[in-house]
Every structure is written in C-alpha cells, then in structure tokens.
Amino acid sequence: MDAVIIDRGRGPEIAGTRITVFDVLDYLQAGWDDKGIAVVLSLGTDQVRAAREYIDNHPGETQAEFHRIKERIARGNPPEVQIKLAAARDKLRARLDSACQERSQGNGNAGRPG
C-alpha cells in the first residue's frame, strides 16, 4: 500500500502515524536523507518519500506553516502556561521528596506486594 498524506485537523501528516510533514521537513532541512529520517521517526522510506512529495508539491504553504511553527516554538509558552507548569513541577517535586523520605525511614516497601 502506498503511503498517504492526510489532514485530521493538525495539518498534513502521514496516514497511520502522528508524524507531520513538518517533522519530516525539519530533518530534510538539516540535510538528512530519506533512510535516516525513516529510522529516526520509525517510518518506512515510502512514508518519508510521500511526505517529501507533499512538501515538493506544496512549497509555499508548507514553508509558511513551518516558519510559523518555528516562531511559535521560539516564543515559548505564554505566562499562564508557565505558571501551570511550575505548579505541576512543584507538586511532583513534593511528592518525590515525600516518597524519598518514606523510603529512607524504612517504609519503602509499604503498600507493595511481594
């Protein structure tokens, strides 16, 4: 079966995967060949070729969207997301600290089967 590029609302992606043509484009622009891209993204070379063909057939829109993606990544998360991430990290850190304390006090096997 030939590899197909579809759009489920996240932009063009390789059917049966969550790999977008922009993922492939990133590697192409870094000078990778199809076989190397296939290995690192766990794809078949036919899937990489399909993404490359899509990129070649839609150069303007693909490059424009790729540029927008890169700009968004460079901006980072907005402040409200950074606050939520920091709170989640703090909560995780507290849970890990508590688990480490319990373990060091000899309660490391409490609640574990065996």
N, C-alpha and C. Protein backbone atom coordinates (compact mmCIF):
# COMPACT_ATOMS: atom_id res chain seq x y z
N MET A 1 0.85 -1.19 0.00
CA MET A 1 0.00 0.00 0.00
C MET A 1 0.89 1.24 0.00
N ASP A 2 0.53 2.21 -0.82
CA ASP A 2 1.29 3.45 -0.89
C ASP A 2 1.02 4.32 0.32
N ALA A 3 2.05 5.02 0.75
CA ALA A 3 1.91 5.95 1.87
C ALA A 3 1.05 7.13 1.42
N VAL A 4 0.23 7.62 2.33
CA VAL A 4 -0.72 8.69 2.02
C VAL A 4 -0.55 9.81 3.05
N ILE A 5 -0.71 11.03 2.58
CA ILE A 5 -0.70 12.19 3.47
C ILE A 5 -2.15 12.60 3.68
N ILE A 6 -2.53 12.75 4.94
CA ILE A 6 -3.90 13.13 5.30
C ILE A 6 -3.87 14.36 6.20
N ASP A 7 -5.03 14.95 6.41
CA ASP A 7 -5.14 16.07 7.35
C ASP A 7 -6.34 15.83 8.25
N ARG A 8 -6.06 15.55 9.52
CA ARG A 8 -7.12 15.33 10.51
C ARG A 8 -7.34 16.57 11.37
N GLY A 9 -6.88 17.71 10.88
CA GLY A 9 -7.08 18.95 11.62
C GLY A 9 -5.81 19.50 12.26
N ARG A 10 -4.72 18.72 12.23
CA ARG A 10 -3.46 19.19 12.80
C ARG A 10 -2.47 19.57 11.70
N GLY A 11 -2.91 19.54 10.48
CA GLY A 11 -2.01 19.77 9.36
C GLY A 11 -1.71 18.45 8.68
N PRO A 12 -1.01 18.50 7.56
CA PRO A 12 -0.73 17.28 6.81
C PRO A 12 0.18 16.33 7.57
N GLU A 13 -0.27 15.07 7.65
CA GLU A 13 0.50 14.06 8.37
C GLU A 13 0.46 12.76 7.60
N ILE A 14 1.38 11.89 7.92
CA ILE A 14 1.47 10.59 7.27
C ILE A 14 0.38 9.70 7.86
N ALA A 15 -0.48 9.16 7.00
CA ALA A 15 -1.60 8.32 7.44
C ALA A 15 -1.09 7.17 8.30
N GLY A 16 -1.83 6.91 9.39
CA GLY A 16 -1.47 5.82 10.30
C GLY A 16 -0.42 6.20 11.32
N THR A 17 0.00 7.47 11.32
CA THR A 17 1.01 7.95 12.27
C THR A 17 0.55 9.29 12.83
N ARG A 18 1.34 9.83 13.71
CA ARG A 18 1.12 11.20 14.18
C ARG A 18 2.27 12.09 13.70
N ILE A 19 3.00 11.61 12.70
CA ILE A 19 4.14 12.33 12.14
C ILE A 19 3.64 13.28 11.06
N THR A 20 3.93 14.57 11.23
CA THR A 20 3.50 15.55 10.23
C THR A 20 4.59 15.73 9.18
N VAL A 21 4.19 16.34 8.07
CA VAL A 21 5.18 16.65 7.04
C VAL A 21 6.20 17.65 7.58
N PHE A 22 5.83 18.42 8.59
CA PHE A 22 6.75 19.40 9.18
C PHE A 22 7.84 18.70 9.99
N ASP A 23 7.50 17.55 10.61
CA ASP A 23 8.52 16.75 11.29
C ASP A 23 9.57 16.30 10.27
N VAL A 24 9.09 15.81 9.14
CA VAL A 24 10.00 15.35 8.08
C VAL A 24 10.79 16.53 7.52
N LEU A 25 10.11 17.65 7.30
CA LEU A 25 10.76 18.84 6.75
C LEU A 25 11.91 19.31 7.63
N ASP A 26 11.74 19.23 8.92
CA ASP A 26 12.79 19.63 9.86
C ASP A 26 14.06 18.84 9.59
N TYR A 27 13.93 17.52 9.43
CA TYR A 27 15.08 16.68 9.14
C TYR A 27 15.64 16.93 7.74
N LEU A 28 14.76 17.14 6.77
CA LEU A 28 15.23 17.44 5.41
C LEU A 28 16.07 18.70 5.39
N GLN A 29 15.62 19.72 6.10
CA GLN A 29 16.37 20.97 6.12
C GLN A 29 17.70 20.83 6.85
N ALA A 30 17.80 19.84 7.72
CA ALA A 30 19.05 19.59 8.42
C ALA A 30 19.99 18.70 7.59
N GLY A 31 19.55 18.30 6.39
CA GLY A 31 20.40 17.54 5.50
C GLY A 31 20.29 16.02 5.60
N TRP A 32 19.29 15.53 6.32
CA TRP A 32 19.12 14.08 6.46
C TRP A 32 18.60 13.49 5.16
N ASP A 33 18.94 12.21 4.91
CA ASP A 33 18.38 11.51 3.76
C ASP A 33 17.13 10.74 4.18
N ASP A 34 16.40 10.21 3.19
CA ASP A 34 15.14 9.53 3.47
C ASP A 34 15.30 8.35 4.42
N LYS A 35 16.36 7.56 4.22
CA LYS A 35 16.55 6.38 5.06
C LYS A 35 16.81 6.77 6.52
N GLY A 36 17.64 7.78 6.74
CA GLY A 36 17.91 8.25 8.10
C GLY A 36 16.67 8.79 8.77
N ILE A 37 15.88 9.56 8.03
CA ILE A 37 14.62 10.09 8.58
C ILE A 37 13.69 8.95 8.93
N ALA A 38 13.60 7.97 8.05
CA ALA A 38 12.73 6.82 8.30
C ALA A 38 13.12 6.11 9.59
N VAL A 39 14.40 5.94 9.80
CA VAL A 39 14.87 5.24 11.01
C VAL A 39 14.53 6.04 12.26
N VAL A 40 14.87 7.32 12.27
CA VAL A 40 14.69 8.12 13.48
C VAL A 40 13.20 8.35 13.80
N LEU A 41 12.35 8.40 12.78
CA LEU A 41 10.92 8.63 13.02
C LEU A 41 10.10 7.34 12.99
N SER A 42 10.77 6.19 12.90
CA SER A 42 10.10 4.87 12.84
C SER A 42 9.08 4.82 11.71
N LEU A 43 9.52 5.22 10.52
CA LEU A 43 8.68 5.21 9.33
C LEU A 43 9.31 4.32 8.28
N GLY A 44 8.52 4.01 7.25
CA GLY A 44 9.06 3.37 6.06
C GLY A 44 9.59 4.45 5.13
N THR A 45 10.52 4.09 4.28
CA THR A 45 11.04 5.09 3.34
C THR A 45 9.96 5.57 2.39
N ASP A 46 8.97 4.70 2.10
CA ASP A 46 7.85 5.14 1.26
C ASP A 46 7.05 6.25 1.94
N GLN A 47 6.94 6.20 3.26
CA GLN A 47 6.23 7.24 4.00
C GLN A 47 7.01 8.55 3.97
N VAL A 48 8.32 8.46 4.10
CA VAL A 48 9.16 9.66 4.03
C VAL A 48 9.07 10.25 2.63
N ARG A 49 9.12 9.40 1.61
CA ARG A 49 9.01 9.89 0.23
C ARG A 49 7.67 10.57 0.00
N ALA A 50 6.59 10.04 0.59
CA ALA A 50 5.27 10.66 0.44
C ALA A 50 5.26 12.05 1.07
N ALA A 51 5.89 12.18 2.24
CA ALA A 51 5.97 13.49 2.90
C ALA A 51 6.81 14.45 2.06
N ARG A 52 7.93 13.96 1.54
CA ARG A 52 8.79 14.79 0.70
C ARG A 52 8.03 15.25 -0.55
N GLU A 53 7.28 14.34 -1.15
CA GLU A 53 6.50 14.68 -2.34
C GLU A 53 5.45 15.74 -2.01
N TYR A 54 4.80 15.59 -0.86
CA TYR A 54 3.81 16.59 -0.44
C TYR A 54 4.49 17.95 -0.29
N ILE A 55 5.63 17.97 0.38
CA ILE A 55 6.38 19.22 0.58
C ILE A 55 6.75 19.84 -0.76
N ASP A 56 7.24 19.01 -1.69
CA ASP A 56 7.63 19.50 -3.02
C ASP A 56 6.44 20.04 -3.80
N ASN A 57 5.26 19.43 -3.62
CA ASN A 57 4.06 19.84 -4.36
C ASN A 57 3.34 21.03 -3.73
N HIS A 58 3.67 21.35 -2.48
CA HIS A 58 3.03 22.46 -1.77
C HIS A 58 4.09 23.35 -1.11
N PRO A 59 5.05 23.86 -1.88
CA PRO A 59 6.19 24.55 -1.26
C PRO A 59 5.82 25.82 -0.50
N GLY A 60 4.96 26.64 -1.06
CA GLY A 60 4.62 27.90 -0.41
C GLY A 60 3.93 27.72 0.92
N GLU A 61 2.85 26.94 0.91
CA GLU A 61 2.09 26.76 2.15
C GLU A 61 2.87 25.95 3.18
N THR A 62 3.64 24.97 2.74
CA THR A 62 4.42 24.15 3.67
C THR A 62 5.49 24.99 4.36
N GLN A 63 6.22 25.77 3.58
CA GLN A 63 7.28 26.60 4.15
C GLN A 63 6.71 27.68 5.08
N ALA A 64 5.58 28.27 4.68
CA ALA A 64 4.97 29.32 5.51
C ALA A 64 4.53 28.75 6.86
N GLU A 65 3.87 27.60 6.85
CA GLU A 65 3.42 26.99 8.10
C GLU A 65 4.61 26.53 8.95
N PHE A 66 5.62 25.98 8.31
CA PHE A 66 6.82 25.55 9.02
C PHE A 66 7.47 26.75 9.72
N HIS A 67 7.52 27.88 9.05
CA HIS A 67 8.07 29.10 9.63
C HIS A 67 7.24 29.55 10.84
N ARG A 68 5.91 29.48 10.74
CA ARG A 68 5.04 29.85 11.87
C ARG A 68 5.27 28.92 13.06
N ILE A 69 5.44 27.64 12.78
CA ILE A 69 5.70 26.66 13.85
C ILE A 69 7.01 27.00 14.56
N LYS A 70 8.05 27.26 13.79
CA LYS A 70 9.36 27.59 14.37
C LYS A 70 9.28 28.87 15.22
N GLU A 71 8.54 29.87 14.74
CA GLU A 71 8.38 31.11 15.51
C GLU A 71 7.65 30.85 16.83
N ARG A 72 6.60 30.03 16.78
CA ARG A 72 5.83 29.71 17.98
C ARG A 72 6.71 28.98 19.00
N ILE A 73 7.53 28.06 18.53
CA ILE A 73 8.43 27.34 19.42
C ILE A 73 9.44 28.30 20.05
N ALA A 74 9.96 29.22 19.25
CA ALA A 74 10.94 30.18 19.75
C ALA A 74 10.35 31.10 20.82
N ARG A 75 9.06 31.42 20.69
CA ARG A 75 8.41 32.29 21.69
C ARG A 75 8.25 31.58 23.02
N GLY A 76 8.14 30.29 23.01
CA GLY A 76 7.94 29.53 24.24
C GLY A 76 6.49 29.60 24.70
N ASN A 77 6.26 29.09 25.89
CA ASN A 77 4.91 29.05 26.45
C ASN A 77 4.51 30.42 26.98
N PRO A 78 3.21 30.75 26.86
CA PRO A 78 2.74 32.01 27.44
C PRO A 78 2.80 31.94 28.97
N PRO A 79 2.80 33.11 29.64
CA PRO A 79 2.94 33.15 31.10
C PRO A 79 1.96 32.26 31.85
N GLU A 80 0.70 32.21 31.43
CA GLU A 80 -0.28 31.41 32.16
C GLU A 80 0.05 29.91 32.09
N VAL A 81 0.62 29.47 31.00
CA VAL A 81 1.03 28.07 30.88
C VAL A 81 2.28 27.83 31.72
N GLN A 82 3.21 28.76 31.72
CA GLN A 82 4.42 28.64 32.54
C GLN A 82 4.07 28.51 34.02
N ILE A 83 3.06 29.27 34.48
CA ILE A 83 2.62 29.19 35.87
C ILE A 83 2.07 27.80 36.19
N LYS A 84 1.25 27.25 35.28
CA LYS A 84 0.69 25.91 35.48
C LYS A 84 1.79 24.85 35.48
N LEU A 85 2.75 24.98 34.58
CA LEU A 85 3.86 24.03 34.53
C LEU A 85 4.70 24.09 35.80
N ALA A 86 4.95 25.29 36.30
CA ALA A 86 5.73 25.44 37.53
C ALA A 86 4.99 24.81 38.71
N ALA A 87 3.68 25.00 38.78
CA ALA A 87 2.89 24.41 39.86
C ALA A 87 2.93 22.89 39.78
N ALA A 88 2.83 22.35 38.58
CA ALA A 88 2.87 20.90 38.40
C ALA A 88 4.25 20.35 38.79
N ARG A 89 5.32 21.06 38.43
CA ARG A 89 6.67 20.63 38.81
C ARG A 89 6.83 20.65 40.32
N ASP A 90 6.32 21.70 40.97
CA ASP A 90 6.42 21.82 42.42
C ASP A 90 5.67 20.68 43.11
N LYS A 91 4.49 20.36 42.59
CA LYS A 91 3.69 19.29 43.16
C LYS A 91 4.41 17.95 43.01
N LEU A 92 4.97 17.70 41.83
CA LEU A 92 5.70 16.47 41.60
C LEU A 92 6.93 16.39 42.50
N ARG A 93 7.64 17.49 42.61
CA ARG A 93 8.84 17.53 43.45
C ARG A 93 8.48 17.20 44.90
N ALA A 94 7.38 17.76 45.39
CA ALA A 94 6.95 17.49 46.77
C ALA A 94 6.60 16.02 46.95
N ARG A 95 5.93 15.43 45.97
CA ARG A 95 5.58 14.01 46.07
C ARG A 95 6.82 13.13 46.04
N LEU A 96 7.78 13.49 45.20
CA LEU A 96 9.02 12.72 45.14
C LEU A 96 9.81 12.86 46.43
N ASP A 97 9.87 14.08 46.97
CA ASP A 97 10.57 14.30 48.24
C ASP A 97 9.93 13.47 49.35
N SER A 98 8.60 13.45 49.38
CA SER A 98 7.89 12.69 50.39
C SER A 98 8.17 11.19 50.24
N ALA A 99 8.16 10.70 49.02
CA ALA A 99 8.43 9.28 48.77
C ALA A 99 9.85 8.93 49.18
N CYS A 100 10.79 9.80 48.88
CA CYS A 100 12.19 9.57 49.26
C CYS A 100 12.35 9.54 50.78
N GLN A 101 11.65 10.45 51.47
CA GLN A 101 11.71 10.49 52.93
C GLN A 101 11.15 9.20 53.52
N GLU A 102 10.01 8.74 53.00
CA GLU A 102 9.41 7.50 53.50
C GLU A 102 10.35 6.33 53.28
N ARG A 103 10.97 6.31 52.13
CA ARG A 103 11.88 5.21 51.81
C ARG A 103 13.09 5.22 52.73
N SER A 104 13.63 6.40 52.99
CA SER A 104 14.82 6.48 53.84
C SER A 104 14.50 6.15 55.31
N GLN A 105 13.22 6.25 55.68
CA GLN A 105 12.81 5.93 57.05
C GLN A 105 12.40 4.47 57.17
N GLY A 106 12.63 3.68 56.09
CA GLY A 106 12.36 2.26 56.16
C GLY A 106 10.96 1.87 55.72
N ASN A 107 10.20 2.79 55.21
CA ASN A 107 8.85 2.48 54.77
C ASN A 107 8.78 2.31 53.26
N GLY A 108 9.91 2.03 52.63
CA GLY A 108 9.96 1.97 51.18
C GLY A 108 9.14 0.86 50.57
N ASN A 109 8.87 -0.20 51.33
CA ASN A 109 8.10 -1.32 50.79
C ASN A 109 6.64 -1.30 51.20
N ALA A 110 6.25 -0.29 51.96
CA ALA A 110 4.86 -0.21 52.42
C ALA A 110 3.93 -0.13 51.22
N GLY A 111 2.92 -0.97 51.23
CA GLY A 111 1.90 -0.93 50.18
C GLY A 111 2.31 -1.66 48.92
N ARG A 112 3.49 -2.28 48.92
CA ARG A 112 3.94 -3.01 47.74
C ARG A 112 3.73 -4.50 47.95
N PRO A 113 3.24 -5.18 46.93
CA PRO A 113 3.07 -6.62 47.05
C PRO A 113 4.43 -7.32 47.05
N GLY A 114 4.49 -8.48 47.64
CA GLY A 114 5.72 -9.24 47.50
C GLY A 114 6.20 -9.76 48.73
